C-alpha atoms as a PDB file:
ATOM      1  CA  MET A   1     -44.237  44.985 -13.500  1.00  0.00           C
ATOM      2  CA  ALA A   2     -42.942  43.595 -10.069  1.00  0.00           C
ATOM      3  CA  PHE A   3     -40.016  45.412  -8.596  1.00  0.00           C
ATOM      4  CA  HIS A   4     -37.609  43.245  -6.289  1.00  0.00           C
ATOM      5  CA  SER A   5     -35.599  45.238  -4.028  1.00  0.00           C
ATOM      6  CA  PRO A   6     -32.705  43.688  -2.162  1.00  0.00           C
ATOM      7  CA  PHE A   7     -34.589  44.459   1.012  1.00  0.00           C
ATOM      8  CA  THR A   8     -37.756  42.614   0.088  1.00  0.00           C
ATOM      9  CA  THR A   9     -35.466  39.738  -0.927  1.00  0.00           C
ATOM     10  CA  THR A  10     -33.672  39.597   2.298  1.00  0.00           C
ATOM     11  CA  ILE A  11     -36.886  39.432   4.290  1.00  0.00           C
ATOM     12  CA  ALA A  12     -38.272  36.650   2.287  1.00  0.00           C
ATOM     13  CA  LEU A  13     -34.991  34.695   2.734  1.00  0.00           C
ATOM     14  CA  SER A  14     -34.658  35.572   6.628  1.00  0.00           C
ATOM     15  CA  PHE A  15     -38.342  34.669   7.101  1.00  0.00           C
ATOM     16  CA  LEU A  16     -37.951  31.201   5.298  1.00  0.00           C
ATOM     17  CA  LEU A  17     -34.731  30.469   7.368  1.00  0.00           C
ATOM     18  CA  PHE A  18     -36.661  31.248  10.514  1.00  0.00           C
ATOM     19  CA  LEU A  19     -39.315  28.903   9.714  1.00  0.00           C
ATOM     20  CA  SER A  20     -36.690  26.126   8.889  1.00  0.00           C
ATOM     21  CA  LEU A  21     -35.125  26.563  12.041  1.00  0.00           C
ATOM     22  CA  PHE A  22     -38.407  26.519  13.780  1.00  0.00           C
ATOM     23  CA  PHE A  23     -39.319  22.862  12.702  1.00  0.00           C
ATOM     24  CA  THR A  24     -35.982  21.528  12.503  1.00  0.00           C
ATOM     25  CA  SER A  25     -35.191  19.584  15.759  1.00  0.00           C
ATOM     26  CA  SER A  26     -32.097  20.148  17.420  1.00  0.00           C
ATOM     27  CA  HIS A  27     -32.027  16.577  18.647  1.00  0.00           C
ATOM     28  CA  SER A  28     -30.982  13.740  16.182  1.00  0.00           C
ATOM     29  CA  ALA A  29     -33.353  10.990  16.466  1.00  0.00           C
ATOM     30  CA  LEU A  30     -32.385   7.601  17.850  1.00  0.00           C
ATOM     31  CA  THR A  31     -33.854   4.511  16.430  1.00  0.00           C
ATOM     32  CA  CYS A  32     -34.386   1.066  18.486  1.00  0.00           C
ATOM     33  CA  ALA A  33     -32.327  -0.660  15.614  1.00  0.00           C
ATOM     34  CA  SER A  34     -29.286   1.801  16.035  1.00  0.00           C
ATOM     35  CA  PHE A  35     -29.087   2.325  19.467  1.00  0.00           C
ATOM     36  CA  LYS A  36     -27.136  -0.598  21.200  1.00  0.00           C
ATOM     37  CA  LEU A  37     -28.129  -1.675  24.667  1.00  0.00           C
ATOM     38  CA  PRO A  38     -25.290  -2.991  27.126  1.00  0.00           C
ATOM     39  CA  ALA A  39     -25.030  -6.569  26.653  1.00  0.00           C
ATOM     40  CA  ASN A  40     -26.404  -7.491  30.098  1.00  0.00           C
ATOM     41  CA  ARG A  41     -29.798  -5.700  29.541  1.00  0.00           C
ATOM     42  CA  THR A  42     -32.666  -6.867  27.407  1.00  0.00           C
ATOM     43  CA  TYR A  43     -36.254  -5.737  26.883  1.00  0.00           C
ATOM     44  CA  ALA A  44     -39.298  -7.241  25.216  1.00  0.00           C
ATOM     45  CA  ASN A  45     -40.041  -4.137  23.256  1.00  0.00           C
ATOM     46  CA  CYS A  46     -38.844  -0.754  22.050  1.00  0.00           C
ATOM     47  CA  ALA A  47     -40.651   2.514  21.195  1.00  0.00           C
ATOM     48  CA  ALA A  48     -39.530   5.443  19.155  1.00  0.00           C
ATOM     49  CA  LEU A  49     -41.105   8.266  21.674  1.00  0.00           C
ATOM     50  CA  PRO A  50     -42.787  10.956  19.532  1.00  0.00           C
ATOM     51  CA  THR A  51     -40.454  13.941  20.603  1.00  0.00           C
ATOM     52  CA  LEU A  52     -36.697  14.778  21.583  1.00  0.00           C
ATOM     53  CA  GLY A  53     -35.442  12.136  19.316  1.00  0.00           C
ATOM     54  CA  ALA A  54     -36.001   9.652  22.289  1.00  0.00           C
ATOM     55  CA  ILE A  55     -36.470   5.904  22.570  1.00  0.00           C
ATOM     56  CA  LEU A  56     -37.616   3.744  25.142  1.00  0.00           C
ATOM     57  CA  HIS A  57     -36.844   0.006  25.534  1.00  0.00           C
ATOM     58  CA  TYR A  58     -39.333  -1.600  28.000  1.00  0.00           C
ATOM     59  CA  SER A  59     -40.718  -4.971  29.310  1.00  0.00           C
ATOM     60  CA  TYR A  60     -43.981  -5.233  31.336  1.00  0.00           C
ATOM     61  CA  ASN A  61     -44.942  -7.553  33.877  1.00  0.00           C
ATOM     62  CA  ALA A  62     -48.767  -7.634  34.430  1.00  0.00           C
ATOM     63  CA  THR A  63     -48.604  -9.861  37.551  1.00  0.00           C
ATOM     64  CA  ASN A  64     -47.151  -7.199  39.686  1.00  0.00           C
ATOM     65  CA  ARG A  65     -47.439  -4.124  37.239  1.00  0.00           C
ATOM     66  CA  THR A  66     -43.615  -3.270  36.897  1.00  0.00           C
ATOM     67  CA  PHE A  67     -41.848  -1.809  33.971  1.00  0.00           C
ATOM     68  CA  ALA A  68     -38.395  -2.273  33.541  1.00  0.00           C
ATOM     69  CA  VAL A  69     -37.064   0.472  31.200  1.00  0.00           C
ATOM     70  CA  ALA A  70     -34.092   1.838  29.206  1.00  0.00           C
ATOM     71  CA  PHE A  71     -34.765   5.411  28.057  1.00  0.00           C
ATOM     72  CA  ALA A  72     -31.988   7.186  26.064  1.00  0.00           C
ATOM     73  CA  ALA A  73     -31.939  10.710  24.628  1.00  0.00           C
ATOM     74  CA  GLU A  74     -29.411  13.035  23.772  1.00  0.00           C
ATOM     75  CA  PRO A  75     -28.874  16.278  25.929  1.00  0.00           C
ATOM     76  CA  PRO A  76     -29.093  19.831  24.156  1.00  0.00           C
ATOM     77  CA  LYS A  77     -25.407  20.206  25.271  1.00  0.00           C
ATOM     78  CA  PRO A  78     -22.925  17.417  26.428  1.00  0.00           C
ATOM     79  CA  SER A  79     -23.127  19.317  29.872  1.00  0.00           C
ATOM     80  CA  GLY A  80     -26.829  18.998  29.882  1.00  0.00           C
ATOM     81  CA  TRP A  81     -29.417  17.035  31.482  1.00  0.00           C
ATOM     82  CA  VAL A  82     -31.733  14.101  30.840  1.00  0.00           C
ATOM     83  CA  ALA A  83     -34.731  12.813  32.489  1.00  0.00           C
ATOM     84  CA  TRP A  84     -37.404  10.197  32.513  1.00  0.00           C
ATOM     85  CA  GLY A  85     -40.069   9.834  35.033  1.00  0.00           C
ATOM     86  CA  LEU A  86     -43.732   8.934  35.960  1.00  0.00           C
ATOM     87  CA  ASN A  87     -46.725  11.257  36.452  1.00  0.00           C
ATOM     88  CA  LEU A  88     -49.139   8.711  38.341  1.00  0.00           C
ATOM     89  CA  ALA A  89     -51.982  11.500  38.017  1.00  0.00           C
ATOM     90  CA  GLY A  90     -51.980  11.173  34.178  1.00  0.00           C
ATOM     91  CA  GLY A  91     -50.625  14.740  33.569  1.00  0.00           C
ATOM     92  CA  GLY A  92     -47.701  16.453  32.101  1.00  0.00           C
ATOM     93  CA  MET A  93     -44.513  17.755  33.628  1.00  0.00           C
ATOM     94  CA  ILE A  94     -46.197  19.166  36.968  1.00  0.00           C
ATOM     95  CA  GLY A  95     -46.645  16.216  39.206  1.00  0.00           C
ATOM     96  CA  THR A  96     -44.036  14.019  37.518  1.00  0.00           C
ATOM     97  CA  GLU A  97     -41.566  12.234  39.878  1.00  0.00           C
ATOM     98  CA  ALA A  98     -38.560  11.856  37.550  1.00  0.00           C
ATOM     99  CA  PHE A  99     -34.899  10.268  37.450  1.00  0.00           C
ATOM    100  CA  ILE A 100     -32.522  12.901  36.195  1.00  0.00           C
ATOM    101  CA  ALA A 101     -29.115  12.036  34.911  1.00  0.00           C
ATOM    102  CA  LEU A 102     -26.615  14.785  35.608  1.00  0.00           C
ATOM    103  CA  PRO A 103     -22.889  15.032  34.828  1.00  0.00           C
ATOM    104  CA  ALA A 104     -20.640  13.815  37.805  1.00  0.00           C
ATOM    105  CA  THR A 105     -18.050  16.031  38.779  1.00  0.00           C
ATOM    106  CA  ALA A 106     -15.550  13.301  38.137  1.00  0.00           C
ATOM    107  CA  GLY A 107     -16.796  12.353  34.764  1.00  0.00           C
ATOM    108  CA  GLY A 108     -19.672  10.262  33.797  1.00  0.00           C
ATOM    109  CA  ARG A 109     -23.333  10.745  35.051  1.00  0.00           C
ATOM    110  CA  THR A 110     -25.130  10.297  38.275  1.00  0.00           C
ATOM    111  CA  LEU A 111     -28.693   9.423  38.454  1.00  0.00           C
ATOM    112  CA  HIS A 112     -31.017  11.707  41.060  1.00  0.00           C
ATOM    113  CA  ARG A 113     -34.568  11.764  42.116  1.00  0.00           C
ATOM    114  CA  TYR A 114     -36.720  14.834  41.511  1.00  0.00           C
ATOM    115  CA  ASN A 115     -40.235  16.037  42.294  1.00  0.00           C
ATOM    116  CA  LEU A 116     -41.361  18.534  39.618  1.00  0.00           C
ATOM    117  CA  THR A 117     -43.546  20.719  41.657  1.00  0.00           C
ATOM    118  CA  SER A 118     -44.248  23.410  39.090  1.00  0.00           C
ATOM    119  CA  TYR A 119     -42.371  24.834  35.923  1.00  0.00           C
ATOM    120  CA  LYS A 120     -39.763  26.561  37.922  1.00  0.00           C
ATOM    121  CA  GLY A 121     -39.741  24.420  41.182  1.00  0.00           C
ATOM    122  CA  ILE A 122     -38.360  21.228  41.184  1.00  0.00           C
ATOM    123  CA  ASP A 123     -37.138  19.425  44.571  1.00  0.00           C
ATOM    124  CA  GLU A 124     -34.562  16.641  44.913  1.00  0.00           C
ATOM    125  CA  VAL A 125     -35.914  13.766  47.025  1.00  0.00           C
ATOM    126  CA  LYS A 126     -34.795  10.445  48.208  1.00  0.00           C
ATOM    127  CA  ALA A 127     -37.787   8.339  47.298  1.00  0.00           C
ATOM    128  CA  PHE A 128     -40.989   8.464  45.324  1.00  0.00           C
ATOM    129  CA  ALA A 129     -44.414   7.601  45.697  1.00  0.00           C
ATOM    130  CA  PHE A 130     -43.773   4.562  43.503  1.00  0.00           C
ATOM    131  CA  GLU A 131     -41.077   1.860  43.990  1.00  0.00           C
ATOM    132  CA  SER A 132     -38.061   1.613  41.977  1.00  0.00           C
ATOM    133  CA  TRP A 133     -34.893  -0.357  41.958  1.00  0.00           C
ATOM    134  CA  ASP A 134     -31.991  -1.450  39.485  1.00  0.00           C
ATOM    135  CA  LEU A 135     -31.336   2.278  38.822  1.00  0.00           C
ATOM    136  CA  ALA A 136     -28.424   3.199  36.673  1.00  0.00           C
ATOM    137  CA  THR A 137     -27.351   5.664  34.115  1.00  0.00           C
ATOM    138  CA  ASP A 138     -24.622   5.856  31.249  1.00  0.00           C
ATOM    139  CA  GLU A 139     -23.439   7.930  28.312  1.00  0.00           C
ATOM    140  CA  ALA A 140     -21.979   6.825  25.218  1.00  0.00           C
ATOM    141  CA  GLY A 141     -21.532   8.908  22.072  1.00  0.00           C
ATOM    142  CA  GLY A 142     -23.257  11.774  23.267  1.00  0.00           C
ATOM    143  CA  VAL A 143     -26.289   9.735  24.153  1.00  0.00           C
ATOM    144  CA  VAL A 144     -27.639   9.528  27.714  1.00  0.00           C
ATOM    145  CA  SER A 145     -29.410   6.478  28.999  1.00  0.00           C
ATOM    146  CA  ILE A 146     -31.584   5.794  32.079  1.00  0.00           C
ATOM    147  CA  TYR A 147     -32.270   2.272  33.377  1.00  0.00           C
ATOM    148  CA  ALA A 148     -34.813   1.438  36.210  1.00  0.00           C
ATOM    149  CA  VAL A 149     -37.507  -0.963  37.257  1.00  0.00           C
ATOM    150  CA  VAL A 150     -40.692   0.903  38.329  1.00  0.00           C
ATOM    151  CA  ALA A 151     -43.840  -0.468  40.144  1.00  0.00           C
ATOM    152  CA  ILE A 152     -47.109   1.218  39.182  1.00  0.00           C
ATOM    153  CA  PRO A 153     -49.519   1.498  42.006  1.00  0.00           C
ATOM    154  CA  GLU A 154     -52.980  -0.163  41.617  1.00  0.00           C
ATOM    155  CA  LYS A 155     -54.810   3.223  41.841  1.00  0.00           C
ATOM    156  CA  ALA A 156     -52.650   4.894  39.132  1.00  0.00           C
ATOM    157  CA  GLY A 157     -54.635   3.417  36.152  1.00  0.00           C
ATOM    158  CA  ASN A 158     -54.055   6.448  34.152  1.00  0.00           C
ATOM    159  CA  ALA A 159     -50.345   7.195  34.728  1.00  0.00           C
ATOM    160  CA  THR A 160     -48.392   8.862  32.159  1.00  0.00           C
ATOM    161  CA  HIS A 161     -44.473   8.726  31.344  1.00  0.00           C
ATOM    162  CA  VAL A 162     -42.729  12.020  30.919  1.00  0.00           C
ATOM    163  CA  TRP A 163     -39.289  12.530  29.395  1.00  0.00           C
ATOM    164  CA  GLN A 164     -37.062  15.802  28.944  1.00  0.00           C
ATOM    165  CA  VAL A 165     -33.690  17.368  28.169  1.00  0.00           C
ATOM    166  CA  GLY A 166     -32.335  20.657  29.368  1.00  0.00           C
ATOM    167  CA  PRO A 167     -29.189  22.609  30.564  1.00  0.00           C
ATOM    168  CA  THR A 168     -27.295  22.725  33.718  1.00  0.00           C
ATOM    169  CA  LYS A 169     -25.880  25.261  35.654  1.00  0.00           C
ATOM    170  CA  ASP A 170     -23.369  24.479  38.710  1.00  0.00           C
ATOM    171  CA  GLY A 171     -24.173  20.915  38.630  1.00  0.00           C
ATOM    172  CA  LYS A 172     -27.981  21.589  38.696  1.00  0.00           C
ATOM    173  CA  PRO A 173     -30.676  21.054  36.467  1.00  0.00           C
ATOM    174  CA  MET A 174     -31.922  24.175  34.600  1.00  0.00           C
ATOM    175  CA  ILE A 175     -35.518  24.954  33.102  1.00  0.00           C
ATOM    176  CA  HIS A 176     -35.689  23.452  29.505  1.00  0.00           C
ATOM    177  CA  ASP A 177     -36.722  24.933  26.462  1.00  0.00           C
ATOM    178  CA  SER A 178     -40.392  25.655  25.716  1.00  0.00           C
ATOM    179  CA  LYS A 179     -40.282  24.426  22.148  1.00  0.00           C
ATOM    180  CA  PRO A 180     -43.139  22.062  20.758  1.00  0.00           C
ATOM    181  CA  ASP A 181     -40.915  19.048  21.144  1.00  0.00           C
ATOM    182  CA  ASN A 182     -40.371  19.749  24.945  1.00  0.00           C
ATOM    183  CA  LEU A 183     -43.794  20.866  25.406  1.00  0.00           C
ATOM    184  CA  GLN A 184     -45.203  17.693  23.767  1.00  0.00           C
ATOM    185  CA  ALA A 185     -42.395  15.068  25.704  1.00  0.00           C
ATOM    186  CA  LYS A 186     -45.327  13.139  27.575  1.00  0.00           C
ATOM    187  CA  ALA A 187     -47.519  10.332  26.668  1.00  0.00           C
ATOM    188  CA  ALA A 188     -49.565   7.266  27.914  1.00  0.00           C
ATOM    189  CA  LEU A 189     -47.735   4.405  29.173  1.00  0.00           C
ATOM    190  CA  PRO A 190     -47.178   1.490  26.019  1.00  0.00           C
ATOM    191  CA  GLU A 191     -49.021  -0.971  28.163  1.00  0.00           C
ATOM    192  CA  ALA A 192     -52.550  -0.962  29.373  1.00  0.00           C
ATOM    193  CA  LEU A 193     -52.531  -0.897  33.332  1.00  0.00           C
ATOM    194  CA  VAL A 194     -55.378  -3.321  34.034  1.00  0.00           C
ATOM    195  CA  PRO A 195     -55.577  -5.807  36.772  1.00  0.00           C
ATOM    196  CA  ALA A 196     -53.475  -8.947  35.827  1.00  0.00           C
ATOM    197  CA  ALA A 197     -55.278 -12.122  34.783  1.00  0.00           C
ATOM    198  CA  SER A 198     -54.518 -15.174  37.113  1.00  0.00           C
ATOM    199  CA  GLY A 199     -51.314 -16.603  36.201  1.00  0.00           C
ATOM    200  CA  SER A 200     -50.419 -13.811  33.807  1.00  0.00           C
ATOM    201  CA  GLY A 201     -46.738 -13.078  33.588  1.00  0.00           C
ATOM    202  CA  ASN A 202     -44.335 -10.711  31.415  1.00  0.00           C
ATOM    203  CA  SER A 203     -46.178  -9.063  28.700  1.00  0.00           C
ATOM    204  CA  SER A 204     -45.500 -10.787  25.102  1.00  0.00           C
ATOM    205  CA  GLY A 205     -44.279  -9.340  21.867  1.00  0.00           C
ATOM    206  CA  SER A 206     -40.866  -8.312  20.692  1.00  0.00           C
ATOM    207  CA  GLY A 207     -39.270  -5.929  18.152  1.00  0.00           C
ATOM    208  CA  ASN A 208     -40.463  -2.440  17.887  1.00  0.00           C
ATOM    209  CA  ALA A 209     -43.725  -1.293  19.212  1.00  0.00           C
ATOM    210  CA  THR A 210     -45.696   1.655  17.872  1.00  0.00           C
ATOM    211  CA  ALA A 211     -44.820   4.907  19.629  1.00  0.00           C
ATOM    212  CA  PRO A 212     -47.566   5.836  22.262  1.00  0.00           C
ATOM    213  CA  THR A 213     -49.649   8.958  21.293  1.00  0.00           C
ATOM    214  CA  ALA A 214     -49.143  11.854  23.514  1.00  0.00           C
ATOM    215  CA  ALA A 215     -51.149  12.031  26.678  1.00  0.00           C
ATOM    216  CA  GLY A 216     -54.100  14.503  27.038  1.00  0.00           C
ATOM    217  CA  GLY A 217     -56.638  15.675  24.758  1.00  0.00           C
ATOM    218  CA  ASN A 218     -55.363  19.391  24.378  1.00  0.00           C
ATOM    219  CA  LYS A 219     -51.891  19.791  22.436  1.00  0.00           C
ATOM    220  CA  SER A 220     -49.851  22.447  23.653  1.00  0.00           C
ATOM    221  CA  GLY A 221     -47.196  24.130  21.345  1.00  0.00           C
ATOM    222  CA  VAL A 222     -47.935  26.573  18.437  1.00  0.00           C
ATOM    223  CA  SER A 223     -46.997  23.980  15.649  1.00  0.00           C
ATOM    224  CA  GLU A 224     -49.559  21.195  17.274  1.00  0.00           C
ATOM    225  CA  ARG A 225     -52.445  23.591  17.320  1.00  0.00           C
ATOM    226  CA  PHE A 226     -52.046  25.139  13.789  1.00  0.00           C
ATOM    227  CA  GLY A 227     -50.396  22.249  11.985  1.00  0.00           C
ATOM    228  CA  VAL A 228     -47.604  22.191   9.291  1.00  0.00           C
ATOM    229  CA  GLY A 229     -50.276  22.905   6.691  1.00  0.00           C
ATOM    230  CA  PHE A 230     -50.991  26.474   8.182  1.00  0.00           C
ATOM    231  CA  TYR A 231     -47.272  27.274   8.260  1.00  0.00           C
ATOM    232  CA  PHE A 232     -46.718  26.088   4.733  1.00  0.00           C
ATOM    233  CA  GLY A 233     -49.890  28.346   3.495  1.00  0.00           C
ATOM    234  CA  LEU A 234     -48.484  31.042   5.391  1.00  0.00           C
ATOM    235  CA  VAL A 235     -45.133  30.900   3.511  1.00  0.00           C
ATOM    236  CA  VAL A 236     -46.690  30.549   0.417  1.00  0.00           C
ATOM    237  CA  ALA A 237     -48.868  33.509   0.818  1.00  0.00           C
ATOM    238  CA  LEU A 238     -45.797  35.760   2.273  1.00  0.00           C
ATOM    239  CA  VAL A 239     -43.425  34.752  -0.587  1.00  0.00           C
ATOM    240  CA  ILE A 240     -46.328  35.647  -3.189  1.00  0.00           C
ATOM    241  CA  GLY A 241     -46.868  39.043  -1.342  1.00  0.00           C
ATOM    242  CA  VAL A 242     -42.976  39.871  -1.124  1.00  0.00           C
ATOM    243  CA  VAL A 243     -42.860  38.933  -5.016  1.00  0.00           C
ATOM    244  CA  ALA A 244     -45.586  41.264  -5.769  1.00  0.00           C
ATOM    245  CA  LEU A 245     -43.926  44.185  -3.936  1.00  0.00           C
END
């Protein structure tokens, strides 16, 4: 006959609570339908990004390889930062040139350019390796938006875009979490960067685009490597083991 002590029951409940926290994202997912753009900004497409509850409105001009983007995400805290940028080499965070929206002293947000040179090293710069213009940022209802037009160099055919959120200290961006959602915040650009055909213009299409897949073949993050099925099986095995005690 199985004996259920308060101690073993507490262990089982605590473990289940831990796993529920691990899989529950701290970011409320935005949707293309619910997010309201400013009246003076329109884009041909919108994609729900695969992590951090972020979305990307965009229009692509194949003639000059430019993206007009409106990226939106919720920072982990009201004082946190939100970033979107490009990695022209096609990698993840290291090597990315990112626009980071930081809280302004007088309220609101200001947009800064940073080169992400390492996991602990970021440098504010005045310009990127790619051209950018029409830059702006705003905040409404706890959601921070970054607006930009970027030109993708011809030699950067495998460029990726990277997005992120994190805390600030003394007005400076601090290192972000290392949760799976953060580690997988990168993807191939949602349009093929191929030489433009003669006379081509803006990319066609409207409405919601499918979310781009994460860039790179090797997935990082514990949940990505093992999958949800592994953790479900682990929970079942542990619960059965505790009940048998």
